[in-house]
Amino acid sequence: MSIASSFLLQSPPGEINDVLSDVRNIIADDAELEKGIAAALEEYNLTQFTTVEVPGHQHQVIVCEDGRTDEGSDGSLPRFFDPRSKTRFTFNHADLSVSDPQPAEASQDNESFRSALETQTLTYLHDHYHEGVASVFALSHTTFSIVLVANKYNPSNFWSGRWRSRYLIDLAKGQINGKVFINVHYYEQGNVQLQSTHTPSLSLAPPHPIPATSQTATKLLKLIEIQEGEYQTSLANVYHEMGEKTFKGLRRALPMTRSKMDWDKVLGYKLGAELSASNTGRFGAASS
């Protein structure tokens, strides 16, 4: 089961069901498989920022460690929190179902700033992500997290991709520590995967009063916007360099003879040799 779990954890964006189907064919024991990969499915959902619809609301929330309120025990399902709608719910890692939504109270000590941070984050998401989901969590009186995920699945053209970001904001220190993960899978006539990780560390210029204001939230998202834009530009430059120089350097422009191969002539020579061989009975001769 450890090998099966490893396969699942390495599943490309949007393809875990395909991997699970292949693993199921190998194991051929659904009950044993379900028990053996439960931990892997939980880890995959939490680290890949799986999104679910919030019951009774028209938005999605990210299932992640920051939003977990109860790990579940004695067979019960874990519970998660949607700070946007103030809803707690149970989540099934196996079938991604949501159940038992319950209203929950948020701490009034930090909800004002968390809400302002959420508003700015959703604006940033709308401006820069075609299909993205964001959740903003208050972890303490002075620490907050912004979690972003955007998925793009295009199986008809044989590729899929996922962008994940998490920013831990410490107002007391005026610091923002981020992690950005990019996964892309291209599988037309081959199998190529891109995995890139970026760990920005940003400083919020003083003053950053506590409790923080909406102006502080605006400053924070501006810093995130700048660094993510720079990171995306740097990736584009690297891939352009690889395509124009690195990969071209791996292949000779001309063979050792310093002249191009005339493949039409080569084909003609080969065809002539085969015809000559057939006349002497060595190739394609009819049996008597």
C-alpha atoms as a PDB file:
ATOM      1  CA  MET A   1       0.000   0.000   0.000  1.00  0.00           C
ATOM      2  CA  SER A   2       2.941   2.344   0.515  1.00  0.00           C
ATOM      3  CA  ILE A   3       3.692   2.211  -3.225  1.00  0.00           C
ATOM      4  CA  ALA A   4       0.037   2.851  -4.085  1.00  0.00           C
ATOM      5  CA  SER A   5      -0.007   5.802  -1.673  1.00  0.00           C
ATOM      6  CA  SER A   6       3.150   7.178  -3.273  1.00  0.00           C
ATOM      7  CA  PHE A   7       1.526   7.028  -6.717  1.00  0.00           C
ATOM      8  CA  LEU A   8      -1.500   8.939  -5.436  1.00  0.00           C
ATOM      9  CA  LEU A   9       0.584  11.654  -3.770  1.00  0.00           C
ATOM     10  CA  GLN A  10       2.450  12.200  -7.044  1.00  0.00           C
ATOM     11  CA  SER A  11      -0.723  12.450  -9.123  1.00  0.00           C
ATOM     12  CA  PRO A  12      -0.603  15.354 -11.609  1.00  0.00           C
ATOM     13  CA  PRO A  13      -3.241  18.094 -11.288  1.00  0.00           C
ATOM     14  CA  GLY A  14      -6.743  16.813 -11.951  1.00  0.00           C
ATOM     15  CA  GLU A  15      -5.603  13.238 -12.596  1.00  0.00           C
ATOM     16  CA  ILE A  16      -5.854  11.567  -9.192  1.00  0.00           C
ATOM     17  CA  ASN A  17      -9.007   9.673 -10.206  1.00  0.00           C
ATOM     18  CA  ASP A  18      -7.155   8.194 -13.191  1.00  0.00           C
ATOM     19  CA  VAL A  19      -4.274   7.138 -10.953  1.00  0.00           C
ATOM     20  CA  LEU A  20      -6.697   5.721  -8.390  1.00  0.00           C
ATOM     21  CA  SER A  21      -8.463   3.713 -11.093  1.00  0.00           C
ATOM     22  CA  ASP A  22      -5.164   2.187 -12.226  1.00  0.00           C
ATOM     23  CA  VAL A  23      -4.167   1.401  -8.640  1.00  0.00           C
ATOM     24  CA  ARG A  24      -7.568  -0.210  -8.026  1.00  0.00           C
ATOM     25  CA  ASN A  25      -7.022  -2.528 -10.992  1.00  0.00           C
ATOM     26  CA  ILE A  26      -3.674  -3.581  -9.547  1.00  0.00           C
ATOM     27  CA  ILE A  27      -4.808  -4.097  -5.945  1.00  0.00           C
ATOM     28  CA  ALA A  28      -8.152  -5.740  -6.874  1.00  0.00           C
ATOM     29  CA  ASP A  29      -9.459  -5.373  -3.310  1.00  0.00           C
ATOM     30  CA  ASP A  30     -11.523  -2.217  -2.807  1.00  0.00           C
ATOM     31  CA  ALA A  31     -11.969  -2.632   0.945  1.00  0.00           C
ATOM     32  CA  GLU A  32      -8.258  -3.113   1.553  1.00  0.00           C
ATOM     33  CA  LEU A  33      -7.396  -0.309  -0.849  1.00  0.00           C
ATOM     34  CA  GLU A  34      -9.767   2.172   0.794  1.00  0.00           C
ATOM     35  CA  LYS A  35      -8.260   1.488   4.198  1.00  0.00           C
ATOM     36  CA  GLY A  36      -4.676   1.518   2.961  1.00  0.00           C
ATOM     37  CA  ILE A  37      -4.777   4.817   1.077  1.00  0.00           C
ATOM     38  CA  ALA A  38      -6.932   6.835   3.489  1.00  0.00           C
ATOM     39  CA  ALA A  39      -3.946   8.707   4.912  1.00  0.00           C
ATOM     40  CA  ALA A  40      -2.577   9.421   1.426  1.00  0.00           C
ATOM     41  CA  LEU A  41      -5.895  10.856   0.226  1.00  0.00           C
ATOM     42  CA  GLU A  42      -6.060  13.103   3.274  1.00  0.00           C
ATOM     43  CA  GLU A  43      -2.508  14.338   2.717  1.00  0.00           C
ATOM     44  CA  TYR A  44      -3.186  14.911  -0.978  1.00  0.00           C
ATOM     45  CA  ASN A  45      -6.340  16.946  -0.349  1.00  0.00           C
ATOM     46  CA  LEU A  46      -4.716  19.100   2.330  1.00  0.00           C
ATOM     47  CA  THR A  47      -1.452  19.794   0.507  1.00  0.00           C
ATOM     48  CA  GLN A  48      -3.002  20.245  -2.949  1.00  0.00           C
ATOM     49  CA  PHE A  49      -5.601  22.695  -1.598  1.00  0.00           C
ATOM     50  CA  THR A  50      -8.678  20.789  -2.681  1.00  0.00           C
ATOM     51  CA  THR A  51     -11.720  23.047  -3.048  1.00  0.00           C
ATOM     52  CA  VAL A  52     -15.349  22.312  -2.153  1.00  0.00           C
ATOM     53  CA  GLU A  53     -18.651  24.132  -2.421  1.00  0.00           C
ATOM     54  CA  VAL A  54     -19.850  25.543   0.890  1.00  0.00           C
ATOM     55  CA  PRO A  55     -23.377  24.216   1.582  1.00  0.00           C
ATOM     56  CA  GLY A  56     -25.966  26.946   1.269  1.00  0.00           C
ATOM     57  CA  HIS A  57     -23.540  29.453  -0.268  1.00  0.00           C
ATOM     58  CA  GLN A  58     -22.387  30.375  -3.752  1.00  0.00           C
ATOM     59  CA  HIS A  59     -18.644  30.080  -3.261  1.00  0.00           C
ATOM     60  CA  GLN A  60     -15.917  27.538  -2.622  1.00  0.00           C
ATOM     61  CA  VAL A  61     -13.514  27.132   0.271  1.00  0.00           C
ATOM     62  CA  ILE A  62     -10.063  25.555   0.314  1.00  0.00           C
ATOM     63  CA  VAL A  63      -9.650  22.420   2.405  1.00  0.00           C
ATOM     64  CA  CYS A  64      -6.293  22.892   4.146  1.00  0.00           C
ATOM     65  CA  GLU A  65      -4.576  22.648   7.511  1.00  0.00           C
ATOM     66  CA  ASP A  66      -5.333  26.278   8.333  1.00  0.00           C
ATOM     67  CA  GLY A  67      -9.060  25.597   8.134  1.00  0.00           C
ATOM     68  CA  ARG A  68      -9.161  22.321  10.025  1.00  0.00           C
ATOM     69  CA  THR A  69     -10.948  22.561  13.376  1.00  0.00           C
ATOM     70  CA  ASP A  70     -11.284  18.879  14.279  1.00  0.00           C
ATOM     71  CA  GLU A  71      -9.182  15.986  12.993  1.00  0.00           C
ATOM     72  CA  GLY A  72     -11.935  13.446  13.569  1.00  0.00           C
ATOM     73  CA  SER A  73     -11.676  10.356  15.734  1.00  0.00           C
ATOM     74  CA  ASP A  74     -13.457   7.071  16.407  1.00  0.00           C
ATOM     75  CA  GLY A  75     -14.604   6.896  12.807  1.00  0.00           C
ATOM     76  CA  SER A  76     -15.923  10.460  12.638  1.00  0.00           C
ATOM     77  CA  LEU A  77     -15.023  12.725   9.748  1.00  0.00           C
ATOM     78  CA  PRO A  78     -12.749  15.754  10.223  1.00  0.00           C
ATOM     79  CA  ARG A  79     -14.326  19.200  10.380  1.00  0.00           C
ATOM     80  CA  PHE A  80     -13.226  22.324   8.550  1.00  0.00           C
ATOM     81  CA  PHE A  81     -14.098  26.005   8.733  1.00  0.00           C
ATOM     82  CA  ASP A  82     -15.078  28.447   6.013  1.00  0.00           C
ATOM     83  CA  PRO A  83     -14.250  31.899   7.428  1.00  0.00           C
ATOM     84  CA  ARG A  84     -16.106  33.678   4.649  1.00  0.00           C
ATOM     85  CA  SER A  85     -19.536  32.270   5.538  1.00  0.00           C
ATOM     86  CA  LYS A  86     -18.686  31.374   9.153  1.00  0.00           C
ATOM     87  CA  THR A  87     -19.610  27.742   8.501  1.00  0.00           C
ATOM     88  CA  ARG A  88     -18.119  24.560   9.926  1.00  0.00           C
ATOM     89  CA  PHE A  89     -18.621  21.312   8.027  1.00  0.00           C
ATOM     90  CA  THR A  90     -17.441  17.718   7.839  1.00  0.00           C
ATOM     91  CA  PHE A  91     -15.388  16.598   4.853  1.00  0.00           C
ATOM     92  CA  ASN A  92     -14.878  13.114   3.460  1.00  0.00           C
ATOM     93  CA  HIS A  93     -11.389  12.780   1.970  1.00  0.00           C
ATOM     94  CA  ALA A  94     -12.370   9.675  -0.007  1.00  0.00           C
ATOM     95  CA  ASP A  95     -15.286  11.028  -2.040  1.00  0.00           C
ATOM     96  CA  LEU A  96     -14.797  14.797  -1.431  1.00  0.00           C
ATOM     97  CA  SER A  97     -18.302  15.143  -0.022  1.00  0.00           C
ATOM     98  CA  VAL A  98     -19.325  17.871   2.428  1.00  0.00           C
ATOM     99  CA  SER A  99     -21.948  17.348   5.121  1.00  0.00           C
ATOM    100  CA  ASP A 100     -23.331  18.610   8.425  1.00  0.00           C
ATOM    101  CA  PRO A 101     -22.824  22.365   7.909  1.00  0.00           C
ATOM    102  CA  GLN A 102     -23.098  24.324  11.141  1.00  0.00           C
ATOM    103  CA  PRO A 103     -22.891  28.073  11.810  1.00  0.00           C
ATOM    104  CA  ALA A 104     -19.815  29.138  13.762  1.00  0.00           C
ATOM    105  CA  GLU A 105     -18.756  32.317  15.474  1.00  0.00           C
ATOM    106  CA  ALA A 106     -15.511  34.027  14.506  1.00  0.00           C
ATOM    107  CA  SER A 107     -13.312  35.859  16.979  1.00  0.00           C
ATOM    108  CA  GLN A 108     -14.283  39.515  16.987  1.00  0.00           C
ATOM    109  CA  ASP A 109     -10.752  40.515  18.010  1.00  0.00           C
ATOM    110  CA  ASN A 110      -9.347  39.912  14.538  1.00  0.00           C
ATOM    111  CA  GLU A 111     -12.386  39.446  12.286  1.00  0.00           C
ATOM    112  CA  SER A 112     -12.412  43.054  11.088  1.00  0.00           C
ATOM    113  CA  PHE A 113      -8.900  42.822   9.641  1.00  0.00           C
ATOM    114  CA  ARG A 114      -9.399  39.251   8.404  1.00  0.00           C
ATOM    115  CA  SER A 115     -12.478  40.394   6.501  1.00  0.00           C
ATOM    116  CA  ALA A 116     -10.600  43.356   4.993  1.00  0.00           C
ATOM    117  CA  LEU A 117      -7.768  41.029   4.004  1.00  0.00           C
ATOM    118  CA  GLU A 118     -10.277  38.658   2.418  1.00  0.00           C
ATOM    119  CA  THR A 119     -11.854  41.482   0.402  1.00  0.00           C
ATOM    120  CA  GLN A 120      -8.482  42.545  -1.000  1.00  0.00           C
ATOM    121  CA  THR A 121      -7.524  38.928  -1.694  1.00  0.00           C
ATOM    122  CA  LEU A 122     -10.711  38.246  -3.654  1.00  0.00           C
ATOM    123  CA  THR A 123     -10.116  41.388  -5.708  1.00  0.00           C
ATOM    124  CA  TYR A 124      -6.578  40.240  -6.465  1.00  0.00           C
ATOM    125  CA  LEU A 125      -7.888  36.779  -7.342  1.00  0.00           C
ATOM    126  CA  HIS A 126     -10.435  38.217  -9.757  1.00  0.00           C
ATOM    127  CA  ASP A 127      -7.810  40.395 -11.453  1.00  0.00           C
ATOM    128  CA  HIS A 128      -5.078  37.781 -11.886  1.00  0.00           C
ATOM    129  CA  TYR A 129      -6.555  34.271 -11.793  1.00  0.00           C
ATOM    130  CA  HIS A 130      -8.963  32.983 -14.433  1.00  0.00           C
ATOM    131  CA  GLU A 131     -10.217  30.098 -12.297  1.00  0.00           C
ATOM    132  CA  GLY A 132      -9.080  30.491  -8.713  1.00  0.00           C
ATOM    133  CA  VAL A 133     -10.255  30.064  -5.141  1.00  0.00           C
ATOM    134  CA  ALA A 134      -8.972  31.907  -2.077  1.00  0.00           C
ATOM    135  CA  SER A 135      -9.506  31.497   1.651  1.00  0.00           C
ATOM    136  CA  VAL A 136      -8.231  33.811   4.392  1.00  0.00           C
ATOM    137  CA  PHE A 137      -7.832  32.457   7.923  1.00  0.00           C
ATOM    138  CA  ALA A 138      -7.182  34.160  11.246  1.00  0.00           C
ATOM    139  CA  LEU A 139      -4.683  31.974  13.109  1.00  0.00           C
ATOM    140  CA  SER A 140      -4.243  34.257  16.116  1.00  0.00           C
ATOM    141  CA  HIS A 141      -4.697  37.877  17.110  1.00  0.00           C
ATOM    142  CA  THR A 142      -1.713  38.945  14.966  1.00  0.00           C
ATOM    143  CA  THR A 143      -1.174  36.100  12.475  1.00  0.00           C
ATOM    144  CA  PHE A 144      -3.222  35.362   9.366  1.00  0.00           C
ATOM    145  CA  SER A 145      -2.895  33.129   6.338  1.00  0.00           C
ATOM    146  CA  ILE A 146      -3.897  33.656   2.724  1.00  0.00           C
ATOM    147  CA  VAL A 147      -4.355  30.459   0.715  1.00  0.00           C
ATOM    148  CA  LEU A 148      -4.787  30.549  -3.075  1.00  0.00           C
ATOM    149  CA  VAL A 149      -5.244  27.805  -5.640  1.00  0.00           C
ATOM    150  CA  ALA A 150      -5.967  27.881  -9.370  1.00  0.00           C
ATOM    151  CA  ASN A 151      -6.477  24.784 -11.522  1.00  0.00           C
ATOM    152  CA  LYS A 152      -6.572  24.433 -15.278  1.00  0.00           C
ATOM    153  CA  TYR A 153      -7.421  21.062 -16.802  1.00  0.00           C
ATOM    154  CA  ASN A 154      -7.265  20.582 -20.574  1.00  0.00           C
ATOM    155  CA  PRO A 155      -7.325  16.832 -21.286  1.00  0.00           C
ATOM    156  CA  SER A 156      -8.370  17.349 -24.906  1.00  0.00           C
ATOM    157  CA  ASN A 157      -4.989  18.999 -25.468  1.00  0.00           C
ATOM    158  CA  PHE A 158      -3.149  16.675 -23.070  1.00  0.00           C
ATOM    159  CA  TRP A 159      -2.110  19.044 -20.302  1.00  0.00           C
ATOM    160  CA  SER A 160      -3.108  20.169 -16.825  1.00  0.00           C
ATOM    161  CA  GLY A 161      -1.743  22.676 -14.334  1.00  0.00           C
ATOM    162  CA  ARG A 162      -2.077  23.947 -10.779  1.00  0.00           C
ATOM    163  CA  TRP A 163      -0.839  27.075  -8.987  1.00  0.00           C
ATOM    164  CA  ARG A 164      -0.852  27.059  -5.173  1.00  0.00           C
ATOM    165  CA  SER A 165       0.147  29.887  -2.850  1.00  0.00           C
ATOM    166  CA  ARG A 166       0.129  30.253   0.917  1.00  0.00           C
ATOM    167  CA  TYR A 167       1.197  33.396   2.742  1.00  0.00           C
ATOM    168  CA  LEU A 168       1.690  33.516   6.494  1.00  0.00           C
ATOM    169  CA  ILE A 169       1.305  37.087   7.749  1.00  0.00           C
ATOM    170  CA  ASP A 170       2.787  38.095  11.106  1.00  0.00           C
ATOM    171  CA  LEU A 171       1.675  41.620  11.932  1.00  0.00           C
ATOM    172  CA  ALA A 172       3.703  41.751  15.143  1.00  0.00           C
ATOM    173  CA  LYS A 173       6.922  41.224  13.164  1.00  0.00           C
ATOM    174  CA  GLY A 174       5.768  42.929   9.974  1.00  0.00           C
ATOM    175  CA  GLN A 175       6.688  39.848   7.945  1.00  0.00           C
ATOM    176  CA  ILE A 176       5.072  37.812   5.182  1.00  0.00           C
ATOM    177  CA  ASN A 177       6.459  34.334   4.507  1.00  0.00           C
ATOM    178  CA  GLY A 178       5.108  32.664   1.409  1.00  0.00           C
ATOM    179  CA  LYS A 179       5.268  29.400  -0.474  1.00  0.00           C
ATOM    180  CA  VAL A 180       4.289  29.111  -4.133  1.00  0.00           C
ATOM    181  CA  PHE A 181       3.991  25.744  -5.853  1.00  0.00           C
ATOM    182  CA  ILE A 182       3.493  25.221  -9.586  1.00  0.00           C
ATOM    183  CA  ASN A 183       2.705  21.835 -11.142  1.00  0.00           C
ATOM    184  CA  VAL A 184       2.183  21.312 -14.871  1.00  0.00           C
ATOM    185  CA  HIS A 185       1.733  18.000 -16.694  1.00  0.00           C
ATOM    186  CA  TYR A 186       2.029  17.655 -20.478  1.00  0.00           C
ATOM    187  CA  TYR A 187       1.446  14.206 -21.914  1.00  0.00           C
ATOM    188  CA  GLU A 188       0.923  14.385 -25.679  1.00  0.00           C
ATOM    189  CA  GLN A 189       3.351  11.929 -27.308  1.00  0.00           C
ATOM    190  CA  GLY A 190       5.384  11.901 -24.115  1.00  0.00           C
ATOM    191  CA  ASN A 191       5.197  12.563 -20.395  1.00  0.00           C
ATOM    192  CA  VAL A 192       6.686  15.786 -19.057  1.00  0.00           C
ATOM    193  CA  GLN A 193       6.048  17.304 -15.632  1.00  0.00           C
ATOM    194  CA  LEU A 194       7.104  20.699 -14.334  1.00  0.00           C
ATOM    195  CA  GLN A 195       7.392  21.257 -10.594  1.00  0.00           C
ATOM    196  CA  SER A 196       8.536  24.623  -9.294  1.00  0.00           C
ATOM    197  CA  THR A 197       8.665  26.016  -5.755  1.00  0.00           C
ATOM    198  CA  HIS A 198       9.148  29.624  -4.701  1.00  0.00           C
ATOM    199  CA  THR A 199       9.514  30.794  -1.075  1.00  0.00           C
ATOM    200  CA  PRO A 200       9.296  34.598  -0.939  1.00  0.00           C
ATOM    201  CA  SER A 201       9.945  36.485   2.273  1.00  0.00           C
ATOM    202  CA  LEU A 202       8.468  39.977   2.352  1.00  0.00           C
ATOM    203  CA  SER A 203       8.550  42.815   4.845  1.00  0.00           C
ATOM    204  CA  LEU A 204       5.642  45.100   5.560  1.00  0.00           C
ATOM    205  CA  ALA A 205       6.962  48.632   5.868  1.00  0.00           C
ATOM    206  CA  PRO A 206       5.956  50.332   9.128  1.00  0.00           C
ATOM    207  CA  PRO A 207       3.684  51.434  10.468  1.00  0.00           C
ATOM    208  CA  HIS A 208       1.606  48.266  10.756  1.00  0.00           C
ATOM    209  CA  PRO A 209      -0.622  48.941  13.761  1.00  0.00           C
ATOM    210  CA  ILE A 210      -2.444  46.312  15.755  1.00  0.00           C
ATOM    211  CA  PRO A 211      -5.322  45.998  15.278  1.00  0.00           C
ATOM    212  CA  ALA A 212      -4.497  46.414  11.602  1.00  0.00           C
ATOM    213  CA  THR A 213      -6.510  48.564   9.235  1.00  0.00           C
ATOM    214  CA  SER A 214      -7.899  48.043   5.743  1.00  0.00           C
ATOM    215  CA  GLN A 215      -4.987  50.119   4.419  1.00  0.00           C
ATOM    216  CA  THR A 216      -2.642  47.468   5.799  1.00  0.00           C
ATOM    217  CA  ALA A 217      -4.576  44.789   3.921  1.00  0.00           C
ATOM    218  CA  THR A 218      -4.220  46.776   0.699  1.00  0.00           C
ATOM    219  CA  LYS A 219      -0.449  47.079   1.229  1.00  0.00           C
ATOM    220  CA  LEU A 220      -0.136  43.354   1.876  1.00  0.00           C
ATOM    221  CA  LEU A 221      -1.905  42.332  -1.309  1.00  0.00           C
ATOM    222  CA  LYS A 222       0.113  44.829  -3.330  1.00  0.00           C
ATOM    223  CA  LEU A 223       3.312  43.185  -2.096  1.00  0.00           C
ATOM    224  CA  ILE A 224       1.957  39.754  -3.009  1.00  0.00           C
ATOM    225  CA  GLU A 225       0.862  40.994  -6.433  1.00  0.00           C
ATOM    226  CA  ILE A 226       4.338  42.365  -7.184  1.00  0.00           C
ATOM    227  CA  GLN A 227       6.270  39.291  -6.093  1.00  0.00           C
ATOM    228  CA  GLU A 228       3.966  36.818  -7.879  1.00  0.00           C
ATOM    229  CA  GLY A 229       4.202  38.897 -11.045  1.00  0.00           C
ATOM    230  CA  GLU A 230       8.001  38.920 -10.815  1.00  0.00           C
ATOM    231  CA  TYR A 231       8.071  35.182 -10.215  1.00  0.00           C
ATOM    232  CA  GLN A 232       5.865  34.486 -13.226  1.00  0.00           C
ATOM    233  CA  THR A 233       8.060  36.717 -15.393  1.00  0.00           C
ATOM    234  CA  SER A 234      11.221  34.970 -14.196  1.00  0.00           C
ATOM    235  CA  LEU A 235       9.730  31.578 -15.076  1.00  0.00           C
ATOM    236  CA  ALA A 236       8.827  32.794 -18.559  1.00  0.00           C
ATOM    237  CA  ASN A 237      12.387  34.075 -19.059  1.00  0.00           C
ATOM    238  CA  VAL A 238      13.902  30.787 -17.899  1.00  0.00           C
ATOM    239  CA  TYR A 239      11.764  28.718 -20.273  1.00  0.00           C
ATOM    240  CA  HIS A 240      12.542  31.052 -23.157  1.00  0.00           C
ATOM    241  CA  GLU A 241      16.250  30.668 -22.420  1.00  0.00           C
ATOM    242  CA  MET A 242      15.909  26.896 -22.262  1.00  0.00           C
ATOM    243  CA  GLY A 243      14.053  26.734 -25.556  1.00  0.00           C
ATOM    244  CA  GLU A 244      16.355  29.104 -27.434  1.00  0.00           C
ATOM    245  CA  LYS A 245      19.727  27.981 -26.080  1.00  0.00           C
ATOM    246  CA  THR A 246      19.821  25.045 -23.671  1.00  0.00           C
ATOM    247  CA  PHE A 247      17.753  22.523 -25.620  1.00  0.00           C
ATOM    248  CA  LYS A 248      19.146  23.626 -28.970  1.00  0.00           C
ATOM    249  CA  GLY A 249      22.636  23.064 -27.599  1.00  0.00           C
ATOM    250  CA  LEU A 250      21.809  19.426 -26.937  1.00  0.00           C
ATOM    251  CA  ARG A 251      21.373  18.707 -30.661  1.00  0.00           C
ATOM    252  CA  ARG A 252      23.747  19.354 -33.536  1.00  0.00           C
ATOM    253  CA  ALA A 253      22.480  21.683 -36.228  1.00  0.00           C
ATOM    254  CA  LEU A 254      24.451  19.568 -38.744  1.00  0.00           C
ATOM    255  CA  PRO A 255      25.805  16.004 -38.586  1.00  0.00           C
ATOM    256  CA  MET A 256      29.532  15.257 -38.288  1.00  0.00           C
ATOM    257  CA  THR A 257      29.882  15.545 -42.092  1.00  0.00           C
ATOM    258  CA  ARG A 258      28.877  19.234 -41.771  1.00  0.00           C
ATOM    259  CA  SER A 259      26.258  18.763 -44.490  1.00  0.00           C
ATOM    260  CA  LYS A 260      22.536  18.127 -44.315  1.00  0.00           C
ATOM    261  CA  MET A 261      21.201  14.651 -44.964  1.00  0.00           C
ATOM    262  CA  ASP A 262      19.126  14.278 -48.124  1.00  0.00           C
ATOM    263  CA  TRP A 263      16.482  11.943 -46.764  1.00  0.00           C
ATOM    264  CA  ASP A 264      14.711  11.640 -50.134  1.00  0.00           C
ATOM    265  CA  LYS A 265      17.893  10.216 -51.652  1.00  0.00           C
ATOM    266  CA  VAL A 266      18.374   7.853 -48.745  1.00  0.00           C
ATOM    267  CA  LEU A 267      14.823   6.589 -49.155  1.00  0.00           C
ATOM    268  CA  GLY A 268      15.426   6.148 -52.887  1.00  0.00           C
ATOM    269  CA  TYR A 269      18.613   4.157 -52.248  1.00  0.00           C
ATOM    270  CA  LYS A 270      16.812   1.907 -49.765  1.00  0.00           C
ATOM    271  CA  LEU A 271      13.864   1.316 -52.093  1.00  0.00           C
ATOM    272  CA  GLY A 272      16.218   0.511 -54.995  1.00  0.00           C
ATOM    273  CA  ALA A 273      18.140  -1.973 -52.869  1.00  0.00           C
ATOM    274  CA  GLU A 274      14.941  -3.716 -51.822  1.00  0.00           C
ATOM    275  CA  LEU A 275      13.721  -3.968 -55.416  1.00  0.00           C
ATOM    276  CA  SER A 276      17.066  -5.384 -56.478  1.00  0.00           C
ATOM    277  CA  ALA A 277      16.940  -7.917 -53.667  1.00  0.00           C
ATOM    278  CA  SER A 278      13.414  -8.997 -54.628  1.00  0.00           C
ATOM    279  CA  ASN A 279      14.549  -9.752 -58.176  1.00  0.00           C
ATOM    280  CA  THR A 280      17.073 -12.251 -56.830  1.00  0.00           C
ATOM    281  CA  GLY A 281      14.563 -13.861 -54.487  1.00  0.00           C
ATOM    282  CA  ARG A 282      16.013 -12.504 -51.250  1.00  0.00           C
ATOM    283  CA  PHE A 283      13.128 -10.139 -50.455  1.00  0.00           C
ATOM    284  CA  GLY A 284       9.431 -10.599 -51.016  1.00  0.00           C
ATOM    285  CA  ALA A 285       9.853 -13.380 -53.550  1.00  0.00           C
ATOM    286  CA  ALA A 286       6.709 -15.403 -54.170  1.00  0.00           C
ATOM    287  CA  SER A 287       6.824 -19.009 -52.984  1.00  0.00           C
ATOM    288  CA  SER A 288       6.447 -21.707 -55.608  1.00  0.00           C
END
